[in-house]
Amino acid sequence: MSIQSIANRREAAERLDLADSAAQRVLPRRKRPEPTIGAGKVYPRSVLGRFRTIKWAALTVFLAIYYLLPWVRWDRGPEAPDQAVLFDFIRQRIFLFGIEIWPQEIYYATGLLILAALGLFLATSLFGRIWCGYACPQTVWTDLFMWVERLIEGDRRERMKLDAQPNGPAKLLKKTGKHAVWLLIAMLTGGAFVMYFNDAPTVVRQLPTLEAGPVTYFFFGLFTLTTYLLAGWARETVCTNMCPWPRIQGGLLDQDSLAVTYRDWRGEPRGPHKRGESWAGRGDCIDCHQCFMVCPTGVDIRKGLQLDCIGCGLCIDACNEVMDKVGRPRFLISWDSARNQVLQVQGQAAGWRLLRPRTAIYGALFLAVALFMTGTFALRASAGLDVLRDAAPLFVQLSDGSIRNGYTLKIRNTAHQTSRFEVSVADLPARYRLIGDKDARAVAPVVSADPDSVTSVHLFVILPRSAVTGPSMDVSFVLHNVETGEVIETESIFRGPSS
């Protein structure tokens, strides 16, 4: 095909688009015998092909992870929960296999959210809305619900006819069966969600016997209801009206981002084609609307990149089926970039630039955050010390003239066995007295800390009057693990007389 012929086709297509109204470009151009039920209601048709297979694989993997992960066990010792992934609000811990995150380490969760955001930015700049099309929970559960709907009510044409029929026993039976299965899936989803916050075998036993707590039942009901409504009823409305991501992703794309694209330079001018007719002077698109019929959000991809398109690629599978039937090359609709479209129209070799400014920035930021989190996690201490100085009295002057301050020490022992810690004040001639001791001691006391918990002790620190240099002086508390030798320092202040 010559460049001049391509240009003529493109010019003809532009004239055709200008002549049609927006509504005419969205709706099929030929009258079809199929009934139209409810303005705006989408009836996606089933399709087979490469991208449908990928979506089935993604759905299977993600649902398996979601439903089965709470049942995976992980041995942490006799005193710790053995669920591999558990958000334990009672112990105030997050358990992720071999990782245990305490409330004081919530910045790790923040870092994971930042990594997720940067990863989503990078994936979008490279592959468009690949998250929306394959990995978003709304997409995964909607796919599952639509599969149930097709299984019970039939494919697109059968569902449209069923909705057009008056209410009767057959219709009521199908509708009731569909919604019953939807509710069952929604209940399994809500039940799996609460398992991430409770021991899975325990909560499965408690839910049907009404032994679970009110908070558990609240979130079980909440996720059951939202799954049923969003995946069963709202569907594409969530993607187009409720989700902010379609509006954000436009700022992440550039001329080299891959997206589901209709190759108008090859498909226009479009129109019906009869067997045996010549393809000269026309495009490959036969205006069959199969791309529109399989779209889960009801998008006509031939209008270009749109807010409603989730980038699932089902229209590619549908178009390839049609191209095979009419004997034209496949991938009239394909994953492609805007730059490649221009190059192909100009007759130049197309290519994909993986490394470009925005992908380099997103990738570098992702790598930097990941390395920082890995480093801080690898270097984090197995214990922690928080020092709270007594507010009243500010200090006590003893009979020998020495000054005494009181402190509450909170020793955090993240090990799963009892540990002993020596507590002292650095570089000062201090004496110490724990609550319960009769006399002060010059030797730093040793405190036994319970496993995987916070142990609180009250400690008096006594300094000679000559060592107190002012009404407020900085002191450094040292926590020394007797077994491992690990040392942790925490700053506080020591109060004394003003003169």
Protein backbone atom coordinates (compact mmCIF):
# COMPACT_ATOMS: atom_id res chain seq x y z
CA MET A 1 0.00 0.00 0.00
CA SER A 2 1.47 3.36 -1.02
CA ILE A 3 1.84 6.32 1.31
CA GLN A 4 -0.47 8.34 -0.94
CA SER A 5 -3.19 5.69 -0.63
CA ILE A 6 -2.83 5.69 3.15
CA ALA A 7 -3.11 9.47 3.21
CA ASN A 8 -6.25 9.33 1.04
CA ARG A 9 -7.84 6.84 3.37
CA ARG A 10 -7.00 8.90 6.42
CA GLU A 11 -8.44 12.03 4.78
CA ALA A 12 -11.63 10.17 3.90
CA ALA A 13 -11.96 8.91 7.45
CA GLU A 14 -11.60 12.42 8.85
CA ARG A 15 -14.35 13.66 6.53
CA LEU A 16 -16.55 10.79 7.66
CA ASP A 17 -15.96 11.57 11.34
CA LEU A 18 -16.79 15.23 10.84
CA ALA A 19 -20.01 14.32 9.12
CA ASP A 20 -21.25 12.00 11.88
CA SER A 21 -22.52 13.29 15.22
CA ALA A 22 -21.05 12.00 18.47
CA ALA A 23 -24.05 9.80 19.12
CA GLN A 24 -23.88 8.27 15.66
CA ARG A 25 -20.21 7.41 16.12
CA VAL A 26 -20.92 5.56 19.39
CA LEU A 27 -24.02 3.64 18.26
CA PRO A 28 -23.95 0.94 15.57
CA ARG A 29 -24.45 2.39 12.11
CA ARG A 30 -26.67 -0.44 10.93
CA LYS A 31 -29.96 -1.44 12.44
CA ARG A 32 -29.71 -4.75 14.21
CA PRO A 33 -32.42 -7.13 15.32
CA GLU A 34 -31.11 -7.18 18.89
CA PRO A 35 -33.35 -5.41 21.41
CA THR A 36 -31.93 -2.51 23.39
CA ILE A 37 -32.81 -2.69 27.07
CA GLY A 38 -32.30 0.25 29.40
CA ALA A 39 -30.42 3.33 28.31
CA GLY A 40 -26.75 2.89 28.96
CA LYS A 41 -26.90 -0.73 30.14
CA VAL A 42 -23.93 -2.75 28.88
CA TYR A 43 -24.29 -6.35 27.71
CA PRO A 44 -20.75 -7.62 27.03
CA ARG A 45 -20.45 -10.61 24.73
CA SER A 46 -18.11 -13.49 25.56
CA VAL A 47 -14.98 -13.79 23.45
CA LEU A 48 -12.05 -16.16 23.09
CA GLY A 49 -8.47 -15.19 22.41
CA ARG A 50 -5.07 -14.34 23.78
CA PHE A 51 -6.13 -11.45 26.02
CA ARG A 52 -9.20 -13.24 27.33
CA THR A 53 -6.91 -16.11 28.33
CA ILE A 54 -4.58 -13.70 30.11
CA LYS A 55 -7.53 -12.20 31.96
CA TRP A 56 -8.72 -15.66 33.04
CA ALA A 57 -5.21 -16.47 34.28
CA ALA A 58 -4.96 -13.18 36.20
CA LEU A 59 -8.43 -13.70 37.70
CA THR A 60 -7.53 -17.22 38.85
CA VAL A 61 -4.21 -16.19 40.39
CA PHE A 62 -5.52 -13.10 42.21
CA LEU A 63 -8.64 -14.79 43.56
CA ALA A 64 -6.61 -17.80 44.71
CA ILE A 65 -4.21 -15.50 46.56
CA TYR A 66 -7.04 -13.54 48.16
CA TYR A 67 -9.09 -16.51 49.33
CA LEU A 68 -6.27 -18.92 50.27
CA LEU A 69 -3.59 -16.63 51.74
CA PRO A 70 -5.21 -16.42 55.23
CA TRP A 71 -4.91 -20.21 55.49
CA VAL A 72 -1.14 -20.25 54.95
CA ARG A 73 0.69 -20.98 58.24
CA TRP A 74 4.04 -19.60 59.43
CA ASP A 75 5.80 -20.85 62.57
CA ARG A 76 6.88 -17.94 64.77
CA GLY A 77 7.23 -19.78 68.06
CA PRO A 78 4.87 -20.91 70.81
CA GLU A 79 3.75 -17.43 71.90
CA ALA A 80 3.13 -15.90 68.46
CA PRO A 81 0.30 -16.40 65.92
CA ASP A 82 1.05 -18.90 63.17
CA GLN A 83 -0.93 -17.19 60.38
CA ALA A 84 1.42 -16.08 57.61
CA VAL A 85 -0.39 -12.78 56.88
CA LEU A 86 -2.25 -11.26 59.81
CA PHE A 87 -3.17 -7.70 60.74
CA ASP A 88 -3.45 -8.31 64.46
CA PHE A 89 -5.14 -5.37 66.19
CA ILE A 90 -5.21 -7.16 69.56
CA ARG A 91 -1.43 -7.54 69.68
CA GLN A 92 -1.00 -4.35 67.64
CA ARG A 93 1.19 -6.06 65.07
CA ILE A 94 1.29 -6.67 61.34
CA PHE A 95 2.63 -10.14 60.51
CA LEU A 96 3.83 -10.71 56.94
CA PHE A 97 5.45 -14.13 56.83
CA GLY A 98 8.85 -13.56 58.51
CA ILE A 99 8.32 -9.82 58.94
CA GLU A 100 6.73 -8.34 62.06
CA ILE A 101 5.81 -4.65 62.04
CA TRP A 102 5.07 -2.86 65.32
CA PRO A 103 2.96 0.31 65.71
CA GLN A 104 6.15 2.34 66.07
CA GLU A 105 7.21 1.05 62.64
CA ILE A 106 4.12 2.09 60.71
CA TYR A 107 6.42 3.97 58.35
CA TYR A 108 7.13 0.60 56.71
CA ALA A 109 3.46 0.39 55.72
CA THR A 110 3.72 3.94 54.40
CA GLY A 111 6.77 2.93 52.37
CA LEU A 112 4.87 -0.01 50.87
CA LEU A 113 2.06 2.33 49.81
CA ILE A 114 4.60 4.67 48.20
CA LEU A 115 6.14 1.72 46.35
CA ALA A 116 2.71 0.62 45.16
CA ALA A 117 1.95 4.12 43.87
CA LEU A 118 5.29 4.44 42.06
CA GLY A 119 4.89 0.95 40.59
CA LEU A 120 1.44 1.90 39.31
CA PHE A 121 2.81 5.12 37.80
CA LEU A 122 5.59 3.18 36.05
CA ALA A 123 3.26 0.46 34.76
CA THR A 124 0.81 3.06 33.43
CA SER A 125 3.49 5.05 31.64
CA LEU A 126 4.68 1.84 29.98
CA PHE A 127 1.49 -0.12 29.32
CA GLY A 128 -1.41 2.27 29.83
CA ARG A 129 -4.27 1.04 32.00
CA ILE A 130 -2.93 -2.48 32.42
CA TRP A 131 -3.78 -2.34 36.14
CA CYS A 132 -7.41 -1.50 35.39
CA GLY A 133 -7.72 -4.20 32.76
CA TYR A 134 -6.16 -7.12 34.61
CA ALA A 135 -5.34 -6.54 38.29
CA CYS A 136 -7.82 -4.06 39.79
CA PRO A 137 -10.12 -5.80 42.33
CA GLN A 138 -13.15 -4.19 40.68
CA THR A 139 -12.15 -5.73 37.34
CA VAL A 140 -11.36 -9.16 38.83
CA TRP A 141 -14.62 -9.52 40.76
CA THR A 142 -16.70 -8.02 37.94
CA ASP A 143 -15.21 -10.58 35.55
CA LEU A 144 -16.17 -13.34 37.98
CA PHE A 145 -19.72 -12.00 38.37
CA MET A 146 -20.18 -11.66 34.60
CA TRP A 147 -18.98 -15.24 34.12
CA VAL A 148 -21.68 -16.38 36.56
CA GLU A 149 -24.23 -14.24 34.72
CA ARG A 150 -23.36 -15.80 31.35
CA LEU A 151 -23.42 -19.27 32.86
CA ILE A 152 -26.98 -18.82 34.15
CA GLU A 153 -28.61 -16.33 31.77
CA GLY A 154 -26.63 -16.91 28.60
CA ASP A 155 -24.49 -14.69 26.40
CA ARG A 156 -25.19 -11.14 25.24
CA ARG A 157 -28.15 -11.87 22.94
CA GLU A 158 -29.83 -14.25 25.44
CA ARG A 159 -29.47 -11.77 28.30
CA MET A 160 -30.95 -8.95 26.24
CA LYS A 161 -33.91 -11.13 25.25
CA LEU A 162 -34.38 -12.25 28.85
CA ASP A 163 -34.53 -8.66 30.10
CA ALA A 164 -37.04 -7.81 27.37
CA GLN A 165 -39.38 -10.64 28.40
CA PRO A 166 -42.22 -10.06 30.86
CA ASN A 167 -41.68 -11.45 34.33
CA GLY A 168 -42.41 -15.15 34.55
CA PRO A 169 -41.29 -18.33 36.34
CA ALA A 170 -38.38 -19.02 33.98
CA LYS A 171 -37.07 -15.46 34.16
CA LEU A 172 -37.56 -15.31 37.94
CA LEU A 173 -35.70 -18.59 38.39
CA LYS A 174 -32.69 -17.42 36.37
CA LYS A 175 -32.55 -14.00 38.04
CA THR A 176 -32.90 -15.50 41.52
CA GLY A 177 -30.23 -18.10 40.82
CA LYS A 178 -27.82 -15.49 39.51
CA HIS A 179 -28.23 -13.18 42.49
CA ALA A 180 -27.99 -16.10 44.91
CA VAL A 181 -24.61 -17.08 43.47
CA TRP A 182 -23.53 -13.43 43.49
CA LEU A 183 -24.42 -13.17 47.19
CA LEU A 184 -22.56 -16.40 47.94
CA ILE A 185 -19.41 -15.06 46.25
CA ALA A 186 -19.84 -11.75 48.08
CA MET A 187 -20.14 -13.56 51.42
CA LEU A 188 -17.01 -15.57 50.69
CA THR A 189 -15.26 -12.30 49.85
CA GLY A 190 -16.38 -10.66 53.10
CA GLY A 191 -15.43 -13.75 55.07
CA ALA A 192 -11.97 -13.87 53.52
CA PHE A 193 -11.46 -10.20 54.33
CA VAL A 194 -12.08 -10.59 58.08
CA MET A 195 -9.70 -13.58 58.08
CA TYR A 196 -6.83 -11.20 57.44
CA PHE A 197 -7.58 -9.60 60.83
CA ASN A 198 -8.42 -12.76 62.80
CA ASP A 199 -7.15 -16.32 62.91
CA ALA A 200 -8.75 -17.95 59.84
CA PRO A 201 -9.85 -21.31 61.36
CA THR A 202 -11.20 -19.53 64.41
CA VAL A 203 -13.26 -16.95 62.52
CA VAL A 204 -14.67 -19.62 60.18
CA ARG A 205 -15.93 -21.48 63.25
CA GLN A 206 -17.26 -18.34 64.94
CA LEU A 207 -19.11 -16.67 62.06
CA PRO A 208 -21.91 -19.24 61.58
CA THR A 209 -22.29 -19.84 65.34
CA LEU A 210 -22.63 -16.09 66.11
CA GLU A 211 -19.57 -16.20 68.39
CA ALA A 212 -17.57 -13.55 66.51
CA GLY A 213 -17.40 -10.00 67.79
CA PRO A 214 -19.56 -7.13 66.49
CA VAL A 215 -16.64 -5.55 64.64
CA THR A 216 -16.03 -8.80 62.75
CA TYR A 217 -19.68 -9.04 61.73
CA PHE A 218 -19.74 -5.37 60.71
CA PHE A 219 -16.84 -5.72 58.29
CA PHE A 220 -18.07 -9.09 57.07
CA GLY A 221 -21.40 -7.48 56.19
CA LEU A 222 -19.78 -4.35 54.76
CA PHE A 223 -17.54 -6.24 52.32
CA THR A 224 -20.32 -8.65 51.41
CA LEU A 225 -22.61 -5.74 50.53
CA THR A 226 -20.00 -3.69 48.65
CA THR A 227 -18.82 -6.71 46.63
CA TYR A 228 -22.39 -7.57 45.66
CA LEU A 229 -23.27 -4.00 44.70
CA LEU A 230 -20.05 -2.93 42.98
CA ALA A 231 -19.28 -6.13 41.06
CA GLY A 232 -22.87 -7.14 40.40
CA TRP A 233 -24.75 -3.90 39.85
CA ALA A 234 -22.40 -0.93 39.46
CA ARG A 235 -19.75 -2.61 37.28
CA GLU A 236 -18.56 -0.14 34.64
CA THR A 237 -20.02 2.77 36.62
CA VAL A 238 -17.29 2.26 39.21
CA CYS A 239 -14.58 2.48 36.54
CA THR A 240 -16.00 5.52 34.73
CA ASN A 241 -17.63 7.60 37.50
CA MET A 242 -16.44 6.47 40.93
CA CYS A 243 -12.76 5.67 40.40
CA PRO A 244 -10.35 8.64 40.16
CA TRP A 245 -7.65 6.66 38.36
CA PRO A 246 -8.97 7.18 34.79
CA ARG A 247 -8.62 10.92 35.32
CA ILE A 248 -5.13 10.60 36.80
CA GLN A 249 -3.70 8.20 34.25
CA GLY A 250 -4.05 10.72 31.43
CA GLY A 251 -1.22 12.71 32.97
CA LEU A 252 1.02 9.63 33.10
CA LEU A 253 0.80 8.68 29.44
CA ASP A 254 3.00 10.00 26.66
CA GLN A 255 3.47 9.33 22.93
CA ASP A 256 5.33 6.08 23.67
CA SER A 257 2.91 4.56 26.16
CA LEU A 258 1.34 1.35 24.93
CA ALA A 259 -2.45 1.33 24.90
CA VAL A 260 -5.26 -0.53 23.19
CA THR A 261 -5.41 1.30 19.84
CA TYR A 262 -7.57 1.15 16.74
CA ARG A 263 -5.29 1.54 13.72
CA ASP A 264 -7.47 3.96 11.79
CA TRP A 265 -4.83 4.40 9.10
CA ARG A 266 -5.51 0.79 8.17
CA GLY A 267 -9.20 0.48 9.03
CA GLU A 268 -10.66 3.61 7.39
CA PRO A 269 -12.82 4.24 5.53
CA ARG A 270 -14.90 1.56 7.20
CA GLY A 271 -18.09 -0.07 6.02
CA PRO A 272 -19.87 -3.38 5.44
CA HIS A 273 -18.11 -5.86 3.19
CA LYS A 274 -19.60 -8.73 1.23
CA ARG A 275 -17.76 -11.88 0.37
CA GLY A 276 -16.02 -11.57 -2.99
CA GLU A 277 -15.97 -7.75 -3.00
CA SER A 278 -12.68 -5.97 -3.63
CA TRP A 279 -10.82 -4.34 -0.71
CA ALA A 280 -9.41 -1.62 -2.96
CA GLY A 281 -10.19 1.93 -1.91
CA ARG A 282 -11.50 1.03 1.54
CA GLY A 283 -10.25 0.05 4.98
CA ASP A 284 -10.20 -3.30 6.74
CA CYS A 285 -12.87 -2.37 9.32
CA ILE A 286 -16.20 -3.88 8.21
CA ASP A 287 -18.16 -1.93 10.87
CA CYS A 288 -19.37 -5.12 12.59
CA HIS A 289 -19.28 -3.57 16.10
CA GLN A 290 -17.86 -6.74 17.65
CA CYS A 291 -15.23 -4.65 19.43
CA PHE A 292 -18.03 -2.65 21.02
CA MET A 293 -20.09 -5.72 21.94
CA VAL A 294 -17.33 -7.46 23.93
CA CYS A 295 -16.21 -4.34 25.82
CA PRO A 296 -17.08 -4.58 29.54
CA THR A 297 -17.56 -0.81 29.73
CA GLY A 298 -19.32 -0.34 26.37
CA VAL A 299 -16.52 1.59 24.63
CA ASP A 300 -16.14 1.96 20.87
CA ILE A 301 -12.36 1.78 20.64
CA ARG A 302 -12.47 3.26 17.15
CA LYS A 303 -13.05 6.68 18.73
CA GLY A 304 -9.55 6.59 20.19
CA LEU A 305 -8.25 6.62 23.77
CA GLN A 306 -11.19 7.24 26.10
CA LEU A 307 -11.87 7.65 29.79
CA ASP A 308 -14.12 4.56 29.86
CA CYS A 309 -11.58 2.18 28.31
CA ILE A 310 -9.92 -0.04 30.92
CA GLY A 311 -7.34 -1.45 28.50
CA CYS A 312 -8.36 -5.10 28.85
CA GLY A 313 -7.74 -5.93 25.17
CA LEU A 314 -10.91 -8.01 24.66
CA CYS A 315 -11.71 -5.88 21.62
CA ILE A 316 -8.44 -7.10 20.09
CA ASP A 317 -9.57 -10.71 20.45
CA ALA A 318 -12.98 -9.92 18.94
CA CYS A 319 -11.48 -8.00 16.00
CA ASN A 320 -8.95 -10.75 15.32
CA GLU A 321 -11.82 -13.24 15.04
CA VAL A 322 -13.48 -11.04 12.42
CA MET A 323 -10.24 -10.43 10.51
CA ASP A 324 -9.69 -14.18 10.31
CA LYS A 325 -13.16 -14.68 8.89
CA VAL A 326 -12.83 -11.98 6.20
CA GLY A 327 -9.26 -12.92 5.32
CA ARG A 328 -7.55 -9.72 6.43
CA PRO A 329 -4.41 -9.37 8.61
CA ARG A 330 -4.96 -9.57 12.37
CA PHE A 331 -4.46 -6.78 14.90
CA LEU A 332 -6.46 -4.03 13.30
CA ILE A 333 -6.88 -3.23 16.99
CA SER A 334 -3.71 -3.78 18.97
CA TRP A 335 -1.50 -2.59 21.82
CA ASP A 336 0.38 0.28 20.23
CA SER A 337 1.71 3.77 20.94
CA ALA A 338 0.73 7.07 19.39
CA ARG A 339 4.25 7.51 18.03
CA ASN A 340 4.08 4.15 16.28
CA GLN A 341 0.80 5.13 14.65
CA VAL A 342 2.42 8.20 13.10
CA LEU A 343 5.47 6.23 11.96
CA GLN A 344 3.31 3.56 10.34
CA VAL A 345 1.26 6.16 8.47
CA GLN A 346 4.51 7.68 7.20
CA GLY A 347 5.74 4.25 6.10
CA GLN A 348 8.61 4.20 8.60
CA ALA A 349 9.70 1.34 10.86
CA ALA A 350 7.85 1.28 14.16
CA GLY A 351 9.45 0.63 17.53
CA TRP A 352 8.85 0.99 21.26
CA ARG A 353 10.99 3.14 23.53
CA LEU A 354 11.14 1.53 26.95
CA LEU A 355 13.57 3.99 28.51
CA ARG A 356 12.46 7.62 28.34
CA PRO A 357 12.42 10.51 30.86
CA ARG A 358 9.24 9.67 32.75
CA THR A 359 9.89 5.92 32.93
CA ALA A 360 13.45 6.60 34.06
CA ILE A 361 12.21 8.93 36.82
CA TYR A 362 9.51 6.54 38.04
CA GLY A 363 11.90 3.60 37.90
CA ALA A 364 14.65 5.47 39.76
CA LEU A 365 12.24 6.62 42.48
CA PHE A 366 10.85 3.11 42.87
CA LEU A 367 14.34 1.64 43.15
CA ALA A 368 15.46 4.32 45.62
CA VAL A 369 12.48 3.79 47.94
CA ALA A 370 12.83 0.02 47.70
CA LEU A 371 16.55 0.14 48.56
CA PHE A 372 15.96 2.59 51.42
CA MET A 373 13.24 0.39 52.93
CA THR A 374 15.34 -2.73 52.51
CA GLY A 375 18.31 -1.07 54.18
CA THR A 376 16.35 0.31 57.12
CA PHE A 377 14.62 -3.01 57.63
CA ALA A 378 17.88 -4.95 57.53
CA LEU A 379 19.46 -2.58 60.07
CA ARG A 380 16.50 -2.24 62.40
CA ALA A 381 17.08 -3.20 66.02
CA SER A 382 15.47 -6.22 67.67
CA ALA A 383 14.54 -4.05 70.66
CA GLY A 384 13.49 -0.50 71.39
CA LEU A 385 13.47 1.91 74.29
CA ASP A 386 11.10 4.79 75.03
CA VAL A 387 11.83 7.04 78.01
CA LEU A 388 9.11 9.08 79.71
CA ARG A 389 10.32 11.44 82.45
CA ASP A 390 8.06 11.97 85.46
CA ALA A 391 6.21 15.28 85.20
CA ALA A 392 5.86 15.75 88.96
CA PRO A 393 7.90 16.32 90.91
CA LEU A 394 10.43 17.81 88.50
CA PHE A 395 13.25 16.55 90.74
CA VAL A 396 13.93 15.57 94.34
CA GLN A 397 16.95 16.76 96.31
CA LEU A 398 18.08 14.06 98.72
CA SER A 399 19.62 14.56 102.16
CA ASP A 400 23.15 14.19 100.82
CA GLY A 401 22.53 16.95 98.25
CA SER A 402 22.24 14.63 95.24
CA ILE A 403 19.44 15.12 92.71
CA ARG A 404 16.93 12.41 91.79
CA ASN A 405 14.72 12.18 88.68
CA GLY A 406 12.11 9.52 87.96
CA TYR A 407 11.58 7.85 84.55
CA THR A 408 9.23 5.28 83.09
CA LEU A 409 11.12 3.03 80.68
CA LYS A 410 9.21 1.10 78.02
CA ILE A 411 11.41 -1.70 76.71
CA ARG A 412 10.19 -3.20 73.44
CA ASN A 413 11.40 -6.77 72.97
CA THR A 414 10.61 -8.00 69.43
CA ALA A 415 12.25 -11.40 70.01
CA HIS A 416 10.04 -14.41 70.69
CA GLN A 417 11.92 -15.28 73.88
CA THR A 418 12.61 -13.47 77.16
CA SER A 419 15.59 -11.11 76.90
CA ARG A 420 17.64 -9.34 79.57
CA PHE A 421 18.59 -5.69 79.16
CA GLU A 422 21.02 -3.55 81.14
CA VAL A 423 19.80 0.04 81.53
CA SER A 424 22.20 2.91 82.27
CA VAL A 425 22.86 6.61 81.69
CA ALA A 426 25.89 7.29 79.52
CA ASP A 427 28.95 9.25 80.75
CA LEU A 428 27.51 10.30 84.10
CA PRO A 429 28.31 9.08 87.67
CA ALA A 430 24.73 7.94 88.21
CA ARG A 431 23.16 5.70 90.80
CA TYR A 432 19.94 3.76 90.04
CA ARG A 433 16.98 2.47 91.98
CA LEU A 434 14.15 0.42 90.53
CA ILE A 435 10.73 0.39 92.14
CA GLY A 436 10.92 -2.32 94.78
CA ASP A 437 14.63 -1.81 95.58
CA LYS A 438 15.44 -0.60 99.09
CA ASP A 439 18.69 1.16 98.22
CA ALA A 440 20.20 2.81 95.17
CA ARG A 441 22.96 1.01 93.33
CA ALA A 442 25.93 2.26 91.39
CA VAL A 443 25.73 -0.69 88.97
CA ALA A 444 23.30 -0.45 86.06
CA PRO A 445 20.22 -2.62 86.74
CA VAL A 446 19.29 -5.56 84.51
CA VAL A 447 15.65 -5.86 83.45
CA SER A 448 14.00 -9.00 82.07
CA ALA A 449 11.69 -8.18 79.15
CA ASP A 450 8.87 -10.50 78.16
CA PRO A 451 8.96 -11.94 74.62
CA ASP A 452 7.23 -10.06 71.80
CA SER A 453 5.88 -7.37 74.10
CA VAL A 454 6.57 -4.05 75.79
CA THR A 455 7.83 -4.17 79.38
CA SER A 456 7.44 -1.05 81.54
CA VAL A 457 9.69 -0.32 84.54
CA HIS A 458 10.04 2.74 86.74
CA LEU A 459 13.62 3.84 87.33
CA PHE A 460 15.07 6.54 89.59
CA VAL A 461 18.32 8.12 88.36
CA ILE A 462 20.40 9.88 91.03
CA LEU A 463 23.26 12.26 90.19
CA PRO A 464 25.68 14.03 92.52
CA ARG A 465 24.90 17.73 92.88
CA SER A 466 28.22 18.55 91.21
CA ALA A 467 27.23 16.61 88.07
CA VAL A 468 24.03 18.63 87.61
CA THR A 469 25.06 21.64 85.52
CA GLY A 470 21.74 23.43 85.21
CA PRO A 471 17.96 23.29 85.53
CA SER A 472 17.79 21.03 82.45
CA MET A 473 20.53 18.88 80.98
CA ASP A 474 20.55 16.29 78.22
CA VAL A 475 21.11 12.68 79.17
CA SER A 476 21.43 9.57 77.06
CA PHE A 477 19.85 6.29 78.23
CA VAL A 478 21.63 3.16 77.03
CA LEU A 479 19.81 -0.16 76.60
CA HIS A 480 22.26 -3.06 76.36
CA ASN A 481 21.04 -6.54 75.42
CA VAL A 482 22.98 -8.87 77.66
CA GLU A 483 22.56 -11.90 75.37
CA THR A 484 23.22 -10.37 71.95
CA GLY A 485 25.32 -7.33 72.86
CA GLU A 486 23.05 -4.99 70.87
CA VAL A 487 23.10 -1.39 72.16
CA ILE A 488 20.31 1.19 71.74
CA GLU A 489 20.46 4.81 72.91
CA THR A 490 17.56 7.16 73.60
CA GLU A 491 17.81 10.82 74.54
CA SER A 492 15.98 12.46 77.46
CA ILE A 493 16.56 15.30 79.95
CA PHE A 494 17.51 15.53 83.61
CA ARG A 495 16.03 18.35 85.69
CA GLY A 496 17.76 20.04 88.66
CA PRO A 497 17.88 23.29 90.64
CA SER A 498 18.22 26.54 88.72
CA SER A 499 21.36 27.49 90.66
